[in-house]
Amino acid sequence: MQEIKLSLAIEEVNLILEGLGNLQFAKVFALVGKIQEQAAGQIRFANAAQAQPAPASDQTPAAPN
């Protein structure tokens, strides 16, 4: 199966999931799971990146006189 990559806001993904929730579970459960799995991985990655401290500056502050 050919794949495509989409870039969507969290709110847009939630709207898609809401729409899929109105369809027969047997037809969409695998797709819903795939969307949730990929989204969760991206959110964890983004949260981990935000939690990383900024690299220390190469300059040391001058000592007070």
PDB file of N, CA and C in Angstrom:
ATOM      1  N   MET A   1       0.854  -1.176   0.000  1.00  0.00           N
ATOM      2  CA  MET A   1       0.000   0.000   0.000  1.00  0.00           C
ATOM      3  C   MET A   1       0.897   1.235   0.000  1.00  0.00           C
ATOM      4  N   GLN A   2       0.600   2.172  -0.874  1.00  0.00           N
ATOM      5  CA  GLN A   2       1.351   3.421  -0.935  1.00  0.00           C
ATOM      6  C   GLN A   2       0.987   4.290   0.263  1.00  0.00           C
ATOM      7  N   GLU A   3       1.974   4.945   0.860  1.00  0.00           N
ATOM      8  CA  GLU A   3       1.743   5.787   2.031  1.00  0.00           C
ATOM      9  C   GLU A   3       1.929   7.251   1.688  1.00  0.00           C
ATOM     10  N   ILE A   4       1.246   8.104   2.457  1.00  0.00           N
ATOM     11  CA  ILE A   4       1.449   9.548   2.375  1.00  0.00           C
ATOM     12  C   ILE A   4       1.681  10.060   3.789  1.00  0.00           C
ATOM     13  N   LYS A   5       2.321  11.188   3.901  1.00  0.00           N
ATOM     14  CA  LYS A   5       2.563  11.840   5.187  1.00  0.00           C
ATOM     15  C   LYS A   5       1.688  13.080   5.257  1.00  0.00           C
ATOM     16  N   LEU A   6       1.029  13.276   6.375  1.00  0.00           N
ATOM     17  CA  LEU A   6       0.195  14.454   6.590  1.00  0.00           C
ATOM     18  C   LEU A   6       0.737  15.236   7.774  1.00  0.00           C
ATOM     19  N   SER A   7       0.509  16.511   7.768  1.00  0.00           N
ATOM     20  CA  SER A   7       0.867  17.351   8.898  1.00  0.00           C
ATOM     21  C   SER A   7      -0.408  18.040   9.363  1.00  0.00           C
ATOM     22  N   LEU A   8      -0.879  17.653  10.543  1.00  0.00           N
ATOM     23  CA  LEU A   8      -2.148  18.159  11.069  1.00  0.00           C
ATOM     24  C   LEU A   8      -1.972  18.635  12.503  1.00  0.00           C
ATOM     25  N   ALA A   9      -2.791  19.602  12.886  1.00  0.00           N
ATOM     26  CA  ALA A   9      -2.818  20.047  14.287  1.00  0.00           C
ATOM     27  C   ALA A   9      -3.521  18.977  15.118  1.00  0.00           C
ATOM     28  N   ILE A  10      -3.215  18.932  16.401  1.00  0.00           N
ATOM     29  CA  ILE A  10      -3.840  17.952  17.293  1.00  0.00           C
ATOM     30  C   ILE A  10      -5.359  18.045  17.217  1.00  0.00           C
ATOM     31  N   GLU A  11      -5.883  19.266  17.157  1.00  0.00           N
ATOM     32  CA  GLU A  11      -7.331  19.449  17.096  1.00  0.00           C
ATOM     33  C   GLU A  11      -7.914  18.826  15.824  1.00  0.00           C
ATOM     34  N   GLU A  12      -7.181  18.921  14.724  1.00  0.00           N
ATOM     35  CA  GLU A  12      -7.636  18.336  13.465  1.00  0.00           C
ATOM     36  C   GLU A  12      -7.635  16.812  13.529  1.00  0.00           C
ATOM     37  N   VAL A  13      -6.605  16.248  14.140  1.00  0.00           N
ATOM     38  CA  VAL A  13      -6.543  14.793  14.295  1.00  0.00           C
ATOM     39  C   VAL A  13      -7.692  14.324  15.184  1.00  0.00           C
ATOM     40  N   ASN A  14      -7.956  15.065  16.241  1.00  0.00           N
ATOM     41  CA  ASN A  14      -9.068  14.693  17.124  1.00  0.00           C
ATOM     42  C   ASN A  14     -10.399  14.737  16.380  1.00  0.00           C
ATOM     43  N   LEU A  15     -10.574  15.695  15.487  1.00  0.00           N
ATOM     44  CA  LEU A  15     -11.794  15.781  14.697  1.00  0.00           C
ATOM     45  C   LEU A  15     -11.921  14.579  13.752  1.00  0.00           C
ATOM     46  N   ILE A  16     -10.824  14.183  13.152  1.00  0.00           N
ATOM     47  CA  ILE A  16     -10.833  12.991  12.293  1.00  0.00           C
ATOM     48  C   ILE A  16     -11.201  11.759  13.110  1.00  0.00           C
ATOM     49  N   LEU A  17     -10.592  11.616  14.277  1.00  0.00           N
ATOM     50  CA  LEU A  17     -10.901  10.468  15.137  1.00  0.00           C
ATOM     51  C   LEU A  17     -12.364  10.471  15.569  1.00  0.00           C
ATOM     52  N   GLU A  18     -12.893  11.653  15.833  1.00  0.00           N
ATOM     53  CA  GLU A  18     -14.310  11.764  16.201  1.00  0.00           C
ATOM     54  C   GLU A  18     -15.191  11.279  15.047  1.00  0.00           C
ATOM     55  N   GLY A  19     -14.861  11.693  13.839  1.00  0.00           N
ATOM     56  CA  GLY A  19     -15.623  11.244  12.674  1.00  0.00           C
ATOM     57  C   GLY A  19     -15.514   9.746  12.470  1.00  0.00           C
ATOM     58  N   LEU A  20     -14.321   9.201  12.641  1.00  0.00           N
ATOM     59  CA  LEU A  20     -14.143   7.757  12.507  1.00  0.00           C
ATOM     60  C   LEU A  20     -14.928   7.005  13.575  1.00  0.00           C
ATOM     61  N   GLY A  21     -15.071   7.635  14.734  1.00  0.00           N
ATOM     62  CA  GLY A  21     -15.831   7.012  15.820  1.00  0.00           C
ATOM     63  C   GLY A  21     -17.305   6.827  15.488  1.00  0.00           C
ATOM     64  N   ASN A  22     -17.792   7.549  14.488  1.00  0.00           N
ATOM     65  CA  ASN A  22     -19.184   7.424  14.079  1.00  0.00           C
ATOM     66  C   ASN A  22     -19.395   6.296  13.066  1.00  0.00           C
ATOM     67  N   LEU A  23     -18.292   5.679  12.624  1.00  0.00           N
ATOM     68  CA  LEU A  23     -18.384   4.588  11.659  1.00  0.00           C
ATOM     69  C   LEU A  23     -18.376   3.246  12.390  1.00  0.00           C
ATOM     70  N   GLN A  24     -18.621   2.164  11.642  1.00  0.00           N
ATOM     71  CA  GLN A  24     -18.616   0.835  12.236  1.00  0.00           C
ATOM     72  C   GLN A  24     -17.228   0.525  12.792  1.00  0.00           C
ATOM     73  N   PHE A  25     -17.204   0.107  14.042  1.00  0.00           N
ATOM     74  CA  PHE A  25     -15.948  -0.186  14.732  1.00  0.00           C
ATOM     75  C   PHE A  25     -15.107  -1.182  13.940  1.00  0.00           C
ATOM     76  N   ALA A  26     -15.717  -2.208  13.424  1.00  0.00           N
ATOM     77  CA  ALA A  26     -14.980  -3.253  12.710  1.00  0.00           C
ATOM     78  C   ALA A  26     -14.243  -2.709  11.489  1.00  0.00           C
ATOM     79  N   LYS A  27     -14.749  -1.632  10.907  1.00  0.00           N
ATOM     80  CA  LYS A  27     -14.125  -1.059   9.713  1.00  0.00           C
ATOM     81  C   LYS A  27     -12.980  -0.112  10.047  1.00  0.00           C
ATOM     82  N   VAL A  28     -13.015   0.526  11.209  1.00  0.00           N
ATOM     83  CA  VAL A  28     -12.060   1.609  11.477  1.00  0.00           C
ATOM     84  C   VAL A  28     -11.127   1.392  12.661  1.00  0.00           C
ATOM     85  N   PHE A  29     -11.315   0.319  13.432  1.00  0.00           N
ATOM     86  CA  PHE A  29     -10.523   0.188  14.660  1.00  0.00           C
ATOM     87  C   PHE A  29      -9.027   0.143  14.383  1.00  0.00           C
ATOM     88  N   ALA A  30      -8.601  -0.523  13.318  1.00  0.00           N
ATOM     89  CA  ALA A  30      -7.169  -0.602  13.015  1.00  0.00           C
ATOM     90  C   ALA A  30      -6.627   0.773  12.617  1.00  0.00           C
ATOM     91  N   LEU A  31      -7.398   1.521  11.841  1.00  0.00           N
ATOM     92  CA  LEU A  31      -6.974   2.861  11.428  1.00  0.00           C
ATOM     93  C   LEU A  31      -6.895   3.801  12.632  1.00  0.00           C
ATOM     94  N   VAL A  32      -7.880   3.742  13.500  1.00  0.00           N
ATOM     95  CA  VAL A  32      -7.871   4.575  14.711  1.00  0.00           C
ATOM     96  C   VAL A  32      -6.639   4.238  15.554  1.00  0.00           C
ATOM     97  N   GLY A  33      -6.359   2.967  15.711  1.00  0.00           N
ATOM     98  CA  GLY A  33      -5.188   2.552  16.480  1.00  0.00           C
ATOM     99  C   GLY A  33      -3.890   3.042  15.870  1.00  0.00           C
ATOM    100  N   LYS A  34      -3.806   2.991  14.540  1.00  0.00           N
ATOM    101  CA  LYS A  34      -2.597   3.448  13.853  1.00  0.00           C
ATOM    102  C   LYS A  34      -2.400   4.953  14.034  1.00  0.00           C
ATOM    103  N   ILE A  35      -3.476   5.709  13.922  1.00  0.00           N
ATOM    104  CA  ILE A  35      -3.402   7.166  14.121  1.00  0.00           C
ATOM    105  C   ILE A  35      -2.969   7.472  15.551  1.00  0.00           C
ATOM    106  N   GLN A  36      -3.587   6.801  16.524  1.00  0.00           N
ATOM    107  CA  GLN A  36      -3.256   7.058  17.926  1.00  0.00           C
ATOM    108  C   GLN A  36      -1.815   6.680  18.240  1.00  0.00           C
ATOM    109  N   GLU A  37      -1.352   5.574  17.690  1.00  0.00           N
ATOM    110  CA  GLU A  37       0.020   5.135  17.938  1.00  0.00           C
ATOM    111  C   GLU A  37       1.033   6.135  17.383  1.00  0.00           C
ATOM    112  N   GLN A  38       0.816   6.579  16.149  1.00  0.00           N
ATOM    113  CA  GLN A  38       1.746   7.529  15.544  1.00  0.00           C
ATOM    114  C   GLN A  38       1.703   8.881  16.251  1.00  0.00           C
ATOM    115  N   ALA A  39       0.516   9.318  16.612  1.00  0.00           N
ATOM    116  CA  ALA A  39       0.379  10.605  17.306  1.00  0.00           C
ATOM    117  C   ALA A  39       1.057  10.551  18.670  1.00  0.00           C
ATOM    118  N   ALA A  40       0.852   9.471  19.394  1.00  0.00           N
ATOM    119  CA  ALA A  40       1.451   9.347  20.722  1.00  0.00           C
ATOM    120  C   ALA A  40       2.974   9.390  20.637  1.00  0.00           C
ATOM    121  N   GLY A  41       3.535   8.714  19.636  1.00  0.00           N
ATOM    122  CA  GLY A  41       4.988   8.729  19.463  1.00  0.00           C
ATOM    123  C   GLY A  41       5.511  10.122  19.186  1.00  0.00           C
ATOM    124  N   GLN A  42       4.795  10.881  18.362  1.00  0.00           N
ATOM    125  CA  GLN A  42       5.225  12.241  18.038  1.00  0.00           C
ATOM    126  C   GLN A  42       5.085  13.164  19.241  1.00  0.00           C
ATOM    127  N   ILE A  43       4.034  13.003  20.005  1.00  0.00           N
ATOM    128  CA  ILE A  43       3.827  13.844  21.181  1.00  0.00           C
ATOM    129  C   ILE A  43       4.891  13.543  22.232  1.00  0.00           C
ATOM    130  N   ARG A  44       5.207  12.258  22.439  1.00  0.00           N
ATOM    131  CA  ARG A  44       6.270  11.904  23.395  1.00  0.00           C
ATOM    132  C   ARG A  44       7.599  12.510  22.953  1.00  0.00           C
ATOM    133  N   PHE A  45       7.897  12.425  21.657  1.00  0.00           N
ATOM    134  CA  PHE A  45       9.146  12.979  21.131  1.00  0.00           C
ATOM    135  C   PHE A  45       9.197  14.487  21.342  1.00  0.00           C
ATOM    136  N   ALA A  46       8.090  15.178  21.047  1.00  0.00           N
ATOM    137  CA  ALA A  46       8.042  16.635  21.207  1.00  0.00           C
ATOM    138  C   ALA A  46       8.181  17.019  22.677  1.00  0.00           C
ATOM    139  N   ASN A  47       7.527  16.282  23.565  1.00  0.00           N
ATOM    140  CA  ASN A  47       7.620  16.581  24.996  1.00  0.00           C
ATOM    141  C   ASN A  47       9.027  16.336  25.519  1.00  0.00           C
ATOM    142  N   ALA A  48       9.674  15.286  25.030  1.00  0.00           N
ATOM    143  CA  ALA A  48      11.043  14.995  25.460  1.00  0.00           C
ATOM    144  C   ALA A  48      11.993  16.089  24.986  1.00  0.00           C
ATOM    145  N   ALA A  49      11.776  16.576  23.768  1.00  0.00           N
ATOM    146  CA  ALA A  49      12.634  17.634  23.242  1.00  0.00           C
ATOM    147  C   ALA A  49      12.471  18.922  24.038  1.00  0.00           C
ATOM    148  N   GLN A  50      11.253  19.211  24.470  1.00  0.00           N
ATOM    149  CA  GLN A  50      11.009  20.416  25.260  1.00  0.00           C
ATOM    150  C   GLN A  50      11.602  20.292  26.656  1.00  0.00           C
ATOM    151  N   ALA A  51      11.689  19.077  27.166  1.00  0.00           N
ATOM    152  CA  ALA A  51      12.192  18.866  28.519  1.00  0.00           C
ATOM    153  C   ALA A  51      13.713  18.936  28.587  1.00  0.00           C
ATOM    154  N   GLN A  52      14.396  18.847  27.452  1.00  0.00           N
ATOM    155  CA  GLN A  52      15.855  18.898  27.432  1.00  0.00           C
ATOM    156  C   GLN A  52      16.320  20.307  27.790  1.00  0.00           C
ATOM    157  N   PRO A  53      17.280  20.427  28.698  1.00  0.00           N
ATOM    158  CA  PRO A  53      17.809  21.767  29.020  1.00  0.00           C
ATOM    159  C   PRO A  53      18.592  22.324  27.837  1.00  0.00           C
ATOM    160  N   ALA A  54      18.604  23.626  27.745  1.00  0.00           N
ATOM    161  CA  ALA A  54      19.361  24.299  26.683  1.00  0.00           C
ATOM    162  C   ALA A  54      20.839  24.038  26.908  1.00  0.00           C
ATOM    163  N   PRO A  55      21.610  23.883  25.837  1.00  0.00           N
ATOM    164  CA  PRO A  55      23.052  23.648  25.998  1.00  0.00           C
ATOM    165  C   PRO A  55      23.710  24.828  26.705  1.00  0.00           C
ATOM    166  N   ALA A  56      24.686  24.515  27.541  1.00  0.00           N
ATOM    167  CA  ALA A  56      25.401  25.555  28.279  1.00  0.00           C
ATOM    168  C   ALA A  56      26.206  26.411  27.317  1.00  0.00           C
ATOM    169  N   SER A  57      26.307  27.666  27.618  1.00  0.00           N
ATOM    170  CA  SER A  57      27.095  28.581  26.797  1.00  0.00           C
ATOM    171  C   SER A  57      28.570  28.289  26.982  1.00  0.00           C
ATOM    172  N   ASP A  58      29.327  28.517  25.921  1.00  0.00           N
ATOM    173  CA  ASP A  58      30.765  28.299  25.990  1.00  0.00           C
ATOM    174  C   ASP A  58      31.453  29.403  26.801  1.00  0.00           C
ATOM    175  N   GLN A  59      30.772  30.512  27.021  1.00  0.00           N
ATOM    176  CA  GLN A  59      31.359  31.615  27.761  1.00  0.00           C
ATOM    177  C   GLN A  59      31.040  31.472  29.230  1.00  0.00           C
ATOM    178  N   THR A  60      32.027  31.649  30.068  1.00  0.00           N
ATOM    179  CA  THR A  60      31.792  31.628  31.509  1.00  0.00           C
ATOM    180  C   THR A  60      31.576  33.060  31.969  1.00  0.00           C
ATOM    181  N   PRO A  61      30.644  33.265  32.876  1.00  0.00           N
ATOM    182  CA  PRO A  61      30.387  34.631  33.336  1.00  0.00           C
ATOM    183  C   PRO A  61      31.597  35.185  34.073  1.00  0.00           C
ATOM    184  N   ALA A  62      31.782  36.475  33.949  1.00  0.00           N
ATOM    185  CA  ALA A  62      32.890  37.125  34.624  1.00  0.00           C
ATOM    186  C   ALA A  62      32.644  37.131  36.131  1.00  0.00           C
ATOM    187  N   ALA A  63      33.715  36.959  36.882  1.00  0.00           N
ATOM    188  CA  ALA A  63      33.604  36.975  38.338  1.00  0.00           C
ATOM    189  C   ALA A  63      33.360  38.399  38.805  1.00  0.00           C
ATOM    190  N   PRO A  64      32.495  38.563  39.817  1.00  0.00           N
ATOM    191  CA  PRO A  64      32.254  39.922  40.328  1.00  0.00           C
ATOM    192  C   PRO A  64      33.506  40.468  41.008  1.00  0.00           C
ATOM    193  N   ASN A  65      33.687  41.792  40.941  1.00  0.00           N
ATOM    194  CA  ASN A  65      34.853  42.439  41.560  1.00  0.00           C
ATOM    195  C   ASN A  65      34.592  42.777  42.969  1.00  0.00           C
TER     196      ASN A  65
END
